[in-house]
Amino acid sequence: HLLGYPYFILGEVKKGKQIGRTIGVPTIN
């Protein structure tokens, strides 16, 4: 409400441990 927009994080997607893929829920880091 005070910002006028949702709080956000802006950044570049980096490689992680890729464990999410092994359980069917891939993620971006």
mmCIF file of all heavy atoms, coordinates in Angstrom:
data_MODEL
# 
_entry.id   MODEL 
# 
loop_
_atom_site.group_PDB 
_atom_site.id 
_atom_site.type_symbol 
_atom_site.label_atom_id 
_atom_site.label_alt_id 
_atom_site.label_comp_id 
_atom_site.label_asym_id 
_atom_site.label_entity_id 
_atom_site.label_seq_id 
_atom_site.pdbx_PDB_ins_code 
_atom_site.Cartn_x 
_atom_site.Cartn_y 
_atom_site.Cartn_z 
_atom_site.occupancy 
_atom_site.B_iso_or_equiv 
_atom_site.pdbx_formal_charge 
_atom_site.auth_seq_id 
_atom_site.auth_comp_id 
_atom_site.auth_asym_id 
_atom_site.auth_atom_id 
_atom_site.pdbx_PDB_model_num 
ATOM 1   N N   . HIS A 1 1  ? 0.831  -1.209  0.000   1.00 0.00 ? 1  HIS A N   1 
ATOM 2   C CA  . HIS A 1 1  ? 0.000  0.000   0.000   1.00 0.00 ? 1  HIS A CA  1 
ATOM 3   C C   . HIS A 1 1  ? 0.868  1.262   0.000   1.00 0.00 ? 1  HIS A C   1 
ATOM 4   O O   . HIS A 1 1  ? 0.590  2.219   -0.738  1.00 0.00 ? 1  HIS A O   1 
ATOM 5   C CB  . HIS A 1 1  ? -0.916 -0.009  1.227   1.00 0.00 ? 1  HIS A CB  1 
ATOM 6   C CG  . HIS A 1 1  ? -1.705 1.255   1.392   1.00 0.00 ? 1  HIS A CG  1 
ATOM 7   N ND1 . HIS A 1 1  ? -2.757 1.590   0.571   1.00 0.00 ? 1  HIS A ND1 1 
ATOM 8   C CD2 . HIS A 1 1  ? -1.574 2.280   2.289   1.00 0.00 ? 1  HIS A CD2 1 
ATOM 9   C CE1 . HIS A 1 1  ? -3.241 2.774   0.943   1.00 0.00 ? 1  HIS A CE1 1 
ATOM 10  N NE2 . HIS A 1 1  ? -2.538 3.206   1.972   1.00 0.00 ? 1  HIS A NE2 1 
ATOM 11  N N   . LEU A 1 2  ? 1.924  1.268   0.809   1.00 0.00 ? 2  LEU A N   1 
ATOM 12  C CA  . LEU A 1 2  ? 2.753  2.464   0.929   1.00 0.00 ? 2  LEU A CA  1 
ATOM 13  C C   . LEU A 1 2  ? 3.696  2.647   -0.261  1.00 0.00 ? 2  LEU A C   1 
ATOM 14  O O   . LEU A 1 2  ? 4.050  3.779   -0.601  1.00 0.00 ? 2  LEU A O   1 
ATOM 15  C CB  . LEU A 1 2  ? 3.557  2.412   2.233   1.00 0.00 ? 2  LEU A CB  1 
ATOM 16  C CG  . LEU A 1 2  ? 2.720  2.422   3.518   1.00 0.00 ? 2  LEU A CG  1 
ATOM 17  C CD1 . LEU A 1 2  ? 3.618  2.413   4.744   1.00 0.00 ? 2  LEU A CD1 1 
ATOM 18  C CD2 . LEU A 1 2  ? 1.784  3.620   3.556   1.00 0.00 ? 2  LEU A CD2 1 
ATOM 19  N N   . LEU A 1 3  ? 4.102  1.550   -0.860  1.00 0.00 ? 3  LEU A N   1 
ATOM 20  C CA  . LEU A 1 3  ? 4.938  1.657   -2.053  1.00 0.00 ? 3  LEU A CA  1 
ATOM 21  C C   . LEU A 1 3  ? 4.102  1.975   -3.296  1.00 0.00 ? 3  LEU A C   1 
ATOM 22  O O   . LEU A 1 3  ? 4.570  2.637   -4.223  1.00 0.00 ? 3  LEU A O   1 
ATOM 23  C CB  . LEU A 1 3  ? 5.705  0.347   -2.293  1.00 0.00 ? 3  LEU A CB  1 
ATOM 24  C CG  . LEU A 1 3  ? 6.852  0.020   -1.343  1.00 0.00 ? 3  LEU A CG  1 
ATOM 25  C CD1 . LEU A 1 3  ? 7.411  -1.364  -1.659  1.00 0.00 ? 3  LEU A CD1 1 
ATOM 26  C CD2 . LEU A 1 3  ? 7.969  1.068   -1.436  1.00 0.00 ? 3  LEU A CD2 1 
ATOM 27  N N   . GLY A 1 4  ? 2.881  1.436   -3.307  1.00 0.00 ? 4  GLY A N   1 
ATOM 28  C CA  . GLY A 1 4  ? 2.063  1.557   -4.505  1.00 0.00 ? 4  GLY A CA  1 
ATOM 29  C C   . GLY A 1 4  ? 2.278  0.405   -5.459  1.00 0.00 ? 4  GLY A C   1 
ATOM 30  O O   . GLY A 1 4  ? 1.740  0.391   -6.571  1.00 0.00 ? 4  GLY A O   1 
ATOM 31  N N   . TYR A 1 5  ? 3.055  -0.573  -5.039  1.00 0.00 ? 5  TYR A N   1 
ATOM 32  C CA  . TYR A 1 5  ? 3.328  -1.776  -5.832  1.00 0.00 ? 5  TYR A CA  1 
ATOM 33  C C   . TYR A 1 5  ? 3.864  -2.846  -4.884  1.00 0.00 ? 5  TYR A C   1 
ATOM 34  O O   . TYR A 1 5  ? 4.371  -2.526  -3.807  1.00 0.00 ? 5  TYR A O   1 
ATOM 35  C CB  . TYR A 1 5  ? 4.353  -1.496  -6.947  1.00 0.00 ? 5  TYR A CB  1 
ATOM 36  C CG  . TYR A 1 5  ? 5.629  -0.835  -6.469  1.00 0.00 ? 5  TYR A CG  1 
ATOM 37  C CD1 . TYR A 1 5  ? 6.694  -1.580  -5.972  1.00 0.00 ? 5  TYR A CD1 1 
ATOM 38  C CD2 . TYR A 1 5  ? 5.765  0.553   -6.495  1.00 0.00 ? 5  TYR A CD2 1 
ATOM 39  C CE1 . TYR A 1 5  ? 7.860  -0.983  -5.527  1.00 0.00 ? 5  TYR A CE1 1 
ATOM 40  C CE2 . TYR A 1 5  ? 6.930  1.174   -6.048  1.00 0.00 ? 5  TYR A CE2 1 
ATOM 41  C CZ  . TYR A 1 5  ? 7.973  0.398   -5.568  1.00 0.00 ? 5  TYR A CZ  1 
ATOM 42  O OH  . TYR A 1 5  ? 9.116  1.000   -5.123  1.00 0.00 ? 5  TYR A OH  1 
ATOM 43  N N   . PRO A 1 6  ? 3.763  -4.133  -5.247  1.00 0.00 ? 6  PRO A N   1 
ATOM 44  C CA  . PRO A 1 6  ? 4.277  -5.179  -4.365  1.00 0.00 ? 6  PRO A CA  1 
ATOM 45  C C   . PRO A 1 6  ? 5.802  -5.078  -4.217  1.00 0.00 ? 6  PRO A C   1 
ATOM 46  O O   . PRO A 1 6  ? 6.513  -4.680  -5.149  1.00 0.00 ? 6  PRO A O   1 
ATOM 47  C CB  . PRO A 1 6  ? 3.900  -6.487  -5.084  1.00 0.00 ? 6  PRO A CB  1 
ATOM 48  C CG  . PRO A 1 6  ? 2.806  -6.105  -6.027  1.00 0.00 ? 6  PRO A CG  1 
ATOM 49  C CD  . PRO A 1 6  ? 3.098  -4.690  -6.441  1.00 0.00 ? 6  PRO A CD  1 
ATOM 50  N N   . TYR A 1 7  ? 6.282  -5.439  -3.047  1.00 0.00 ? 7  TYR A N   1 
ATOM 51  C CA  . TYR A 1 7  ? 7.737  -5.469  -2.836  1.00 0.00 ? 7  TYR A CA  1 
ATOM 52  C C   . TYR A 1 7  ? 8.355  -6.501  -3.767  1.00 0.00 ? 7  TYR A C   1 
ATOM 53  O O   . TYR A 1 7  ? 7.819  -7.595  -3.937  1.00 0.00 ? 7  TYR A O   1 
ATOM 54  C CB  . TYR A 1 7  ? 8.057  -5.822  -1.387  1.00 0.00 ? 7  TYR A CB  1 
ATOM 55  C CG  . TYR A 1 7  ? 9.508  -5.559  -1.036  1.00 0.00 ? 7  TYR A CG  1 
ATOM 56  C CD1 . TYR A 1 7  ? 9.983  -4.261  -0.983  1.00 0.00 ? 7  TYR A CD1 1 
ATOM 57  C CD2 . TYR A 1 7  ? 10.392 -6.600  -0.786  1.00 0.00 ? 7  TYR A CD2 1 
ATOM 58  C CE1 . TYR A 1 7  ? 11.311 -3.998  -0.674  1.00 0.00 ? 7  TYR A CE1 1 
ATOM 59  C CE2 . TYR A 1 7  ? 11.724 -6.343  -0.478  1.00 0.00 ? 7  TYR A CE2 1 
ATOM 60  C CZ  . TYR A 1 7  ? 12.169 -5.034  -0.431  1.00 0.00 ? 7  TYR A CZ  1 
ATOM 61  O OH  . TYR A 1 7  ? 13.493 -4.772  -0.137  1.00 0.00 ? 7  TYR A OH  1 
ATOM 62  N N   . PHE A 1 8  ? 9.477  -6.146  -4.378  1.00 0.00 ? 8  PHE A N   1 
ATOM 63  C CA  . PHE A 1 8  ? 10.025 -7.032  -5.397  1.00 0.00 ? 8  PHE A CA  1 
ATOM 64  C C   . PHE A 1 8  ? 11.541 -7.170  -5.295  1.00 0.00 ? 8  PHE A C   1 
ATOM 65  O O   . PHE A 1 8  ? 12.233 -6.348  -4.686  1.00 0.00 ? 8  PHE A O   1 
ATOM 66  C CB  . PHE A 1 8  ? 9.637  -6.547  -6.800  1.00 0.00 ? 8  PHE A CB  1 
ATOM 67  C CG  . PHE A 1 8  ? 10.343 -5.279  -7.244  1.00 0.00 ? 8  PHE A CG  1 
ATOM 68  C CD1 . PHE A 1 8  ? 11.551 -5.337  -7.919  1.00 0.00 ? 8  PHE A CD1 1 
ATOM 69  C CD2 . PHE A 1 8  ? 9.782  -4.035  -6.986  1.00 0.00 ? 8  PHE A CD2 1 
ATOM 70  C CE1 . PHE A 1 8  ? 12.195 -4.177  -8.325  1.00 0.00 ? 8  PHE A CE1 1 
ATOM 71  C CE2 . PHE A 1 8  ? 10.421 -2.860  -7.392  1.00 0.00 ? 8  PHE A CE2 1 
ATOM 72  C CZ  . PHE A 1 8  ? 11.633 -2.941  -8.064  1.00 0.00 ? 8  PHE A CZ  1 
ATOM 73  N N   . ILE A 1 9  ? 12.027 -8.223  -5.926  1.00 0.00 ? 9  ILE A N   1 
ATOM 74  C CA  . ILE A 1 9  ? 13.453 -8.466  -6.099  1.00 0.00 ? 9  ILE A CA  1 
ATOM 75  C C   . ILE A 1 9  ? 13.703 -8.591  -7.592  1.00 0.00 ? 9  ILE A C   1 
ATOM 76  O O   . ILE A 1 9  ? 13.030 -9.365  -8.285  1.00 0.00 ? 9  ILE A O   1 
ATOM 77  C CB  . ILE A 1 9  ? 13.918 -9.763  -5.391  1.00 0.00 ? 9  ILE A CB  1 
ATOM 78  C CG1 . ILE A 1 9  ? 13.602 -9.696  -3.882  1.00 0.00 ? 9  ILE A CG1 1 
ATOM 79  C CG2 . ILE A 1 9  ? 15.405 -9.986  -5.592  1.00 0.00 ? 9  ILE A CG2 1 
ATOM 80  C CD1 . ILE A 1 9  ? 12.374 -10.466 -3.496  1.00 0.00 ? 9  ILE A CD1 1 
ATOM 81  N N   . LEU A 1 10 ? 14.641 -7.816  -8.084  1.00 0.00 ? 10 LEU A N   1 
ATOM 82  C CA  . LEU A 1 10 ? 14.981 -7.829  -9.507  1.00 0.00 ? 10 LEU A CA  1 
ATOM 83  C C   . LEU A 1 10 ? 16.400 -8.359  -9.654  1.00 0.00 ? 10 LEU A C   1 
ATOM 84  O O   . LEU A 1 10 ? 17.313 -7.893  -8.974  1.00 0.00 ? 10 LEU A O   1 
ATOM 85  C CB  . LEU A 1 10 ? 14.888 -6.413  -10.078 1.00 0.00 ? 10 LEU A CB  1 
ATOM 86  C CG  . LEU A 1 10 ? 15.082 -6.241  -11.578 1.00 0.00 ? 10 LEU A CG  1 
ATOM 87  C CD1 . LEU A 1 10 ? 13.902 -6.835  -12.344 1.00 0.00 ? 10 LEU A CD1 1 
ATOM 88  C CD2 . LEU A 1 10 ? 15.237 -4.751  -11.926 1.00 0.00 ? 10 LEU A CD2 1 
ATOM 89  N N   . GLY A 1 11 ? 16.582 -9.343  -10.511 1.00 0.00 ? 11 GLY A N   1 
ATOM 90  C CA  . GLY A 1 11 ? 17.928 -9.877  -10.667 1.00 0.00 ? 11 GLY A CA  1 
ATOM 91  C C   . GLY A 1 11 ? 18.044 -10.867 -11.804 1.00 0.00 ? 11 GLY A C   1 
ATOM 92  O O   . GLY A 1 11 ? 17.073 -11.185 -12.501 1.00 0.00 ? 11 GLY A O   1 
ATOM 93  N N   . GLU A 1 12 ? 19.253 -11.353 -11.963 1.00 0.00 ? 12 GLU A N   1 
ATOM 94  C CA  . GLU A 1 12 ? 19.561 -12.307 -13.030 1.00 0.00 ? 12 GLU A CA  1 
ATOM 95  C C   . GLU A 1 12 ? 19.428 -13.727 -12.500 1.00 0.00 ? 12 GLU A C   1 
ATOM 96  O O   . GLU A 1 12 ? 19.847 -14.027 -11.385 1.00 0.00 ? 12 GLU A O   1 
ATOM 97  C CB  . GLU A 1 12 ? 20.987 -12.071 -13.532 1.00 0.00 ? 12 GLU A CB  1 
ATOM 98  C CG  . GLU A 1 12 ? 21.428 -13.006 -14.638 1.00 0.00 ? 12 GLU A CG  1 
ATOM 99  C CD  . GLU A 1 12 ? 22.874 -12.773 -15.045 1.00 0.00 ? 12 GLU A CD  1 
ATOM 100 O OE1 . GLU A 1 12 ? 23.337 -11.617 -14.975 1.00 0.00 ? 12 GLU A OE1 1 
ATOM 101 O OE2 . GLU A 1 12 ? 23.564 -13.754 -15.423 1.00 0.00 ? 12 GLU A OE2 1 
ATOM 102 N N   . VAL A 1 13 ? 18.830 -14.583 -13.304 1.00 0.00 ? 13 VAL A N   1 
ATOM 103 C CA  . VAL A 1 13 ? 18.659 -15.974 -12.913 1.00 0.00 ? 13 VAL A CA  1 
ATOM 104 C C   . VAL A 1 13 ? 20.003 -16.693 -12.974 1.00 0.00 ? 13 VAL A C   1 
ATOM 105 O O   . VAL A 1 13 ? 20.683 -16.687 -14.003 1.00 0.00 ? 13 VAL A O   1 
ATOM 106 C CB  . VAL A 1 13 ? 17.649 -16.696 -13.835 1.00 0.00 ? 13 VAL A CB  1 
ATOM 107 C CG1 . VAL A 1 13 ? 17.539 -18.173 -13.458 1.00 0.00 ? 13 VAL A CG1 1 
ATOM 108 C CG2 . VAL A 1 13 ? 16.289 -16.013 -13.748 1.00 0.00 ? 13 VAL A CG2 1 
ATOM 109 N N   . LYS A 1 14 ? 20.383 -17.276 -11.841 1.00 0.00 ? 14 LYS A N   1 
ATOM 110 C CA  . LYS A 1 14 ? 21.649 -18.021 -11.764 1.00 0.00 ? 14 LYS A CA  1 
ATOM 111 C C   . LYS A 1 14 ? 21.367 -19.507 -11.525 1.00 0.00 ? 14 LYS A C   1 
ATOM 112 O O   . LYS A 1 14 ? 20.298 -19.885 -11.046 1.00 0.00 ? 14 LYS A O   1 
ATOM 113 C CB  . LYS A 1 14 ? 22.493 -17.479 -10.594 1.00 0.00 ? 14 LYS A CB  1 
ATOM 114 C CG  . LYS A 1 14 ? 22.830 -15.994 -10.688 1.00 0.00 ? 14 LYS A CG  1 
ATOM 115 C CD  . LYS A 1 14 ? 23.856 -15.727 -11.766 1.00 0.00 ? 14 LYS A CD  1 
ATOM 116 C CE  . LYS A 1 14 ? 24.246 -14.247 -11.793 1.00 0.00 ? 14 LYS A CE  1 
ATOM 117 N NZ  . LYS A 1 14 ? 24.984 -13.824 -10.596 1.00 0.00 ? 14 LYS A NZ  1 
ATOM 118 N N   . LYS A 1 15 ? 22.354 -20.315 -11.840 1.00 0.00 ? 15 LYS A N   1 
ATOM 119 C CA  . LYS A 1 15 ? 22.206 -21.748 -11.606 1.00 0.00 ? 15 LYS A CA  1 
ATOM 120 C C   . LYS A 1 15 ? 22.310 -22.055 -10.119 1.00 0.00 ? 15 LYS A C   1 
ATOM 121 O O   . LYS A 1 15 ? 23.162 -21.544 -9.414  1.00 0.00 ? 15 LYS A O   1 
ATOM 122 C CB  . LYS A 1 15 ? 23.273 -22.538 -12.375 1.00 0.00 ? 15 LYS A CB  1 
ATOM 123 C CG  . LYS A 1 15 ? 22.947 -22.716 -13.853 1.00 0.00 ? 15 LYS A CG  1 
ATOM 124 C CD  . LYS A 1 15 ? 23.686 -23.894 -14.451 1.00 0.00 ? 15 LYS A CD  1 
ATOM 125 C CE  . LYS A 1 15 ? 23.196 -24.155 -15.872 1.00 0.00 ? 15 LYS A CE  1 
ATOM 126 N NZ  . LYS A 1 15 ? 23.808 -25.362 -16.458 1.00 0.00 ? 15 LYS A NZ  1 
ATOM 127 N N   . GLY A 1 16 ? 21.409 -22.918 -9.655  1.00 0.00 ? 16 GLY A N   1 
ATOM 128 C CA  . GLY A 1 16 ? 21.458 -23.378 -8.282  1.00 0.00 ? 16 GLY A CA  1 
ATOM 129 C C   . GLY A 1 16 ? 21.835 -24.840 -8.238  1.00 0.00 ? 16 GLY A C   1 
ATOM 130 O O   . GLY A 1 16 ? 22.523 -25.357 -9.123  1.00 0.00 ? 16 GLY A O   1 
ATOM 131 N N   . LYS A 1 17 ? 21.362 -25.530 -7.227  1.00 0.00 ? 17 LYS A N   1 
ATOM 132 C CA  . LYS A 1 17 ? 21.685 -26.950 -7.075  1.00 0.00 ? 17 LYS A CA  1 
ATOM 133 C C   . LYS A 1 17 ? 20.795 -27.836 -7.942  1.00 0.00 ? 17 LYS A C   1 
ATOM 134 O O   . LYS A 1 17 ? 21.033 -29.042 -8.062  1.00 0.00 ? 17 LYS A O   1 
ATOM 135 C CB  . LYS A 1 17 ? 21.565 -27.360 -5.603  1.00 0.00 ? 17 LYS A CB  1 
ATOM 136 C CG  . LYS A 1 17 ? 22.510 -26.586 -4.687  1.00 0.00 ? 17 LYS A CG  1 
ATOM 137 C CD  . LYS A 1 17 ? 22.369 -27.036 -3.248  1.00 0.00 ? 17 LYS A CD  1 
ATOM 138 C CE  . LYS A 1 17 ? 23.244 -26.178 -2.330  1.00 0.00 ? 17 LYS A CE  1 
ATOM 139 N NZ  . LYS A 1 17 ? 24.663 -26.218 -2.674  1.00 0.00 ? 17 LYS A NZ  1 
ATOM 140 N N   . GLN A 1 18 ? 19.744 -27.243 -8.514  1.00 0.00 ? 18 GLN A N   1 
ATOM 141 C CA  . GLN A 1 18 ? 18.815 -27.932 -9.427  1.00 0.00 ? 18 GLN A CA  1 
ATOM 142 C C   . GLN A 1 18 ? 18.130 -29.138 -8.774  1.00 0.00 ? 18 GLN A C   1 
ATOM 143 O O   . GLN A 1 18 ? 17.724 -30.072 -9.459  1.00 0.00 ? 18 GLN A O   1 
ATOM 144 C CB  . GLN A 1 18 ? 19.551 -28.359 -10.709 1.00 0.00 ? 18 GLN A CB  1 
ATOM 145 C CG  . GLN A 1 18 ? 20.116 -27.171 -11.488 1.00 0.00 ? 18 GLN A CG  1 
ATOM 146 C CD  . GLN A 1 18 ? 20.731 -27.564 -12.811 1.00 0.00 ? 18 GLN A CD  1 
ATOM 147 O OE1 . GLN A 1 18 ? 21.624 -28.411 -12.868 1.00 0.00 ? 18 GLN A OE1 1 
ATOM 148 N NE2 . GLN A 1 18 ? 20.267 -26.952 -13.878 1.00 0.00 ? 18 GLN A NE2 1 
ATOM 149 N N   . ILE A 1 19 ? 17.987 -29.088 -7.475  1.00 0.00 ? 19 ILE A N   1 
ATOM 150 C CA  . ILE A 1 19 ? 17.323 -30.192 -6.769  1.00 0.00 ? 19 ILE A CA  1 
ATOM 151 C C   . ILE A 1 19 ? 15.816 -30.164 -7.029  1.00 0.00 ? 19 ILE A C   1 
ATOM 152 O O   . ILE A 1 19 ? 15.162 -31.210 -7.077  1.00 0.00 ? 19 ILE A O   1 
ATOM 153 C CB  . ILE A 1 19 ? 17.641 -30.123 -5.265  1.00 0.00 ? 19 ILE A CB  1 
ATOM 154 C CG1 . ILE A 1 19 ? 19.129 -30.426 -5.058  1.00 0.00 ? 19 ILE A CG1 1 
ATOM 155 C CG2 . ILE A 1 19 ? 16.792 -31.099 -4.467  1.00 0.00 ? 19 ILE A CG2 1 
ATOM 156 C CD1 . ILE A 1 19 ? 19.607 -30.263 -3.638  1.00 0.00 ? 19 ILE A CD1 1 
ATOM 157 N N   . GLY A 1 20 ? 15.258 -28.953 -7.252  1.00 0.00 ? 20 GLY A N   1 
ATOM 158 C CA  . GLY A 1 20 ? 13.831 -28.859 -7.522  1.00 0.00 ? 20 GLY A CA  1 
ATOM 159 C C   . GLY A 1 20 ? 13.409 -29.686 -8.722  1.00 0.00 ? 20 GLY A C   1 
ATOM 160 O O   . GLY A 1 20 ? 12.314 -30.258 -8.745  1.00 0.00 ? 20 GLY A O   1 
ATOM 161 N N   . ARG A 1 21 ? 14.279 -29.752 -9.712  1.00 0.00 ? 21 ARG A N   1 
ATOM 162 C CA  . ARG A 1 21 ? 13.947 -30.538 -10.904 1.00 0.00 ? 21 ARG A CA  1 
ATOM 163 C C   . ARG A 1 21 ? 13.773 -32.009 -10.570 1.00 0.00 ? 21 ARG A C   1 
ATOM 164 O O   . ARG A 1 21 ? 12.969 -32.713 -11.180 1.00 0.00 ? 21 ARG A O   1 
ATOM 165 C CB  . ARG A 1 21 ? 15.040 -30.369 -11.957 1.00 0.00 ? 21 ARG A CB  1 
ATOM 166 C CG  . ARG A 1 21 ? 15.167 -28.956 -12.494 1.00 0.00 ? 21 ARG A CG  1 
ATOM 167 C CD  . ARG A 1 21 ? 16.273 -28.834 -13.530 1.00 0.00 ? 21 ARG A CD  1 
ATOM 168 N NE  . ARG A 1 21 ? 16.409 -27.460 -13.976 1.00 0.00 ? 21 ARG A NE  1 
ATOM 169 C CZ  . ARG A 1 21 ? 15.664 -26.906 -14.933 1.00 0.00 ? 21 ARG A CZ  1 
ATOM 170 N NH1 . ARG A 1 21 ? 14.744 -27.643 -15.530 1.00 0.00 ? 21 ARG A NH1 1 
ATOM 171 N NH2 . ARG A 1 21 ? 15.836 -25.649 -15.289 1.00 0.00 ? 21 ARG A NH2 1 
ATOM 172 N N   . THR A 1 22 ? 14.545 -32.484 -9.606  1.00 0.00 ? 22 THR A N   1 
ATOM 173 C CA  . THR A 1 22 ? 14.495 -33.921 -9.281  1.00 0.00 ? 22 THR A CA  1 
ATOM 174 C C   . THR A 1 22 ? 13.208 -34.310 -8.569  1.00 0.00 ? 22 THR A C   1 
ATOM 175 O O   . THR A 1 22 ? 12.857 -35.490 -8.526  1.00 0.00 ? 22 THR A O   1 
ATOM 176 C CB  . THR A 1 22 ? 15.704 -34.318 -8.399  1.00 0.00 ? 22 THR A CB  1 
ATOM 177 O OG1 . THR A 1 22 ? 15.565 -33.706 -7.109  1.00 0.00 ? 22 THR A OG1 1 
ATOM 178 C CG2 . THR A 1 22 ? 17.008 -33.887 -9.034  1.00 0.00 ? 22 THR A CG2 1 
ATOM 179 N N   . ILE A 1 23 ? 12.494 -33.313 -8.025  1.00 0.00 ? 23 ILE A N   1 
ATOM 180 C CA  . ILE A 1 23 ? 11.236 -33.630 -7.338  1.00 0.00 ? 23 ILE A CA  1 
ATOM 181 C C   . ILE A 1 23 ? 10.031 -33.032 -8.079  1.00 0.00 ? 23 ILE A C   1 
ATOM 182 O O   . ILE A 1 23 ? 8.937  -32.915 -7.531  1.00 0.00 ? 23 ILE A O   1 
ATOM 183 C CB  . ILE A 1 23 ? 11.254 -33.157 -5.863  1.00 0.00 ? 23 ILE A CB  1 
ATOM 184 C CG1 . ILE A 1 23 ? 11.510 -31.650 -5.771  1.00 0.00 ? 23 ILE A CG1 1 
ATOM 185 C CG2 . ILE A 1 23 ? 12.298 -33.923 -5.076  1.00 0.00 ? 23 ILE A CG2 1 
ATOM 186 C CD1 . ILE A 1 23 ? 11.404 -31.110 -4.340  1.00 0.00 ? 23 ILE A CD1 1 
ATOM 187 N N   . GLY A 1 24 ? 10.267 -32.618 -9.315  1.00 0.00 ? 24 GLY A N   1 
ATOM 188 C CA  . GLY A 1 24 ? 9.162  -32.164 -10.151 1.00 0.00 ? 24 GLY A CA  1 
ATOM 189 C C   . GLY A 1 24 ? 8.734  -30.733 -9.967  1.00 0.00 ? 24 GLY A C   1 
ATOM 190 O O   . GLY A 1 24 ? 7.676  -30.336 -10.474 1.00 0.00 ? 24 GLY A O   1 
ATOM 191 N N   . VAL A 1 25 ? 9.535  -29.926 -9.273  1.00 0.00 ? 25 VAL A N   1 
ATOM 192 C CA  . VAL A 1 25 ? 9.196  -28.511 -9.076  1.00 0.00 ? 25 VAL A CA  1 
ATOM 193 C C   . VAL A 1 25 ? 10.439 -27.652 -9.369  1.00 0.00 ? 25 VAL A C   1 
ATOM 194 O O   . VAL A 1 25 ? 11.096 -27.153 -8.453  1.00 0.00 ? 25 VAL A O   1 
ATOM 195 C CB  . VAL A 1 25 ? 8.651  -28.225 -7.654  1.00 0.00 ? 25 VAL A CB  1 
ATOM 196 C CG1 . VAL A 1 25 ? 7.205  -28.630 -7.545  1.00 0.00 ? 25 VAL A CG1 1 
ATOM 197 C CG2 . VAL A 1 25 ? 9.481  -28.921 -6.582  1.00 0.00 ? 25 VAL A CG2 1 
ATOM 198 N N   . PRO A 1 26 ? 10.783 -27.498 -10.641 1.00 0.00 ? 26 PRO A N   1 
ATOM 199 C CA  . PRO A 1 26 ? 11.966 -26.706 -10.993 1.00 0.00 ? 26 PRO A CA  1 
ATOM 200 C C   . PRO A 1 26 ? 11.824 -25.264 -10.527 1.00 0.00 ? 26 PRO A C   1 
ATOM 201 O O   . PRO A 1 26 ? 10.716 -24.719 -10.485 1.00 0.00 ? 26 PRO A O   1 
ATOM 202 C CB  . PRO A 1 26 ? 11.996 -26.794 -12.523 1.00 0.00 ? 26 PRO A CB  1 
ATOM 203 C CG  . PRO A 1 26 ? 10.593 -27.121 -12.920 1.00 0.00 ? 26 PRO A CG  1 
ATOM 204 C CD  . PRO A 1 26 ? 10.053 -27.970 -11.819 1.00 0.00 ? 26 PRO A CD  1 
ATOM 205 N N   . THR A 1 27 ? 12.947 -24.665 -10.172 1.00 0.00 ? 27 THR A N   1 
ATOM 206 C CA  . THR A 1 27 ? 12.941 -23.295 -9.663  1.00 0.00 ? 27 THR A CA  1 
ATOM 207 C C   . THR A 1 27 ? 13.972 -22.450 -10.382 1.00 0.00 ? 27 THR A C   1 
ATOM 208 O O   . THR A 1 27 ? 14.910 -22.956 -10.996 1.00 0.00 ? 27 THR A O   1 
ATOM 209 C CB  . THR A 1 27 ? 13.250 -23.267 -8.155  1.00 0.00 ? 27 THR A CB  1 
ATOM 210 O OG1 . THR A 1 27 ? 14.558 -23.821 -7.922  1.00 0.00 ? 27 THR A OG1 1 
ATOM 211 C CG2 . THR A 1 27 ? 12.209 -24.045 -7.366  1.00 0.00 ? 27 THR A CG2 1 
ATOM 212 N N   . ILE A 1 28 ? 13.774 -21.142 -10.293 1.00 0.00 ? 28 ILE A N   1 
ATOM 213 C CA  . ILE A 1 28 ? 14.786 -20.183 -10.727 1.00 0.00 ? 28 ILE A CA  1 
ATOM 214 C C   . ILE A 1 28 ? 15.370 -19.539 -9.478  1.00 0.00 ? 28 ILE A C   1 
ATOM 215 O O   . ILE A 1 28 ? 14.672 -19.329 -8.487  1.00 0.00 ? 28 ILE A O   1 
ATOM 216 C CB  . ILE A 1 28 ? 14.210 -19.114 -11.673 1.00 0.00 ? 28 ILE A CB  1 
ATOM 217 C CG1 . ILE A 1 28 ? 13.107 -18.301 -10.970 1.00 0.00 ? 28 ILE A CG1 1 
ATOM 218 C CG2 . ILE A 1 28 ? 13.690 -19.750 -12.954 1.00 0.00 ? 28 ILE A CG2 1 
ATOM 219 C CD1 . ILE A 1 28 ? 12.685 -17.055 -11.715 1.00 0.00 ? 28 ILE A CD1 1 
ATOM 220 N N   . ASN A 1 29 ? 16.647 -19.222 -9.525  1.00 0.00 ? 29 ASN A N   1 
ATOM 221 C CA  . ASN A 1 29 ? 17.352 -18.678 -8.355  1.00 0.00 ? 29 ASN A CA  1 
ATOM 222 C C   . ASN A 1 29 ? 17.877 -17.276 -8.630  1.00 0.00 ? 29 ASN A C   1 
ATOM 223 O O   . ASN A 1 29 ? 18.485 -17.026 -9.681  1.00 0.00 ? 29 ASN A O   1 
ATOM 224 C CB  . ASN A 1 29 ? 18.531 -19.575 -7.969  1.00 0.00 ? 29 ASN A CB  1 
ATOM 225 C CG  . ASN A 1 29 ? 18.087 -20.929 -7.462  1.00 0.00 ? 29 ASN A CG  1 
ATOM 226 O OD1 . ASN A 1 29 ? 16.926 -21.126 -7.148  1.00 0.00 ? 29 ASN A OD1 1 
ATOM 227 N ND2 . ASN A 1 29 ? 19.010 -21.869 -7.387  1.00 0.00 ? 29 ASN A ND2 1 
# 
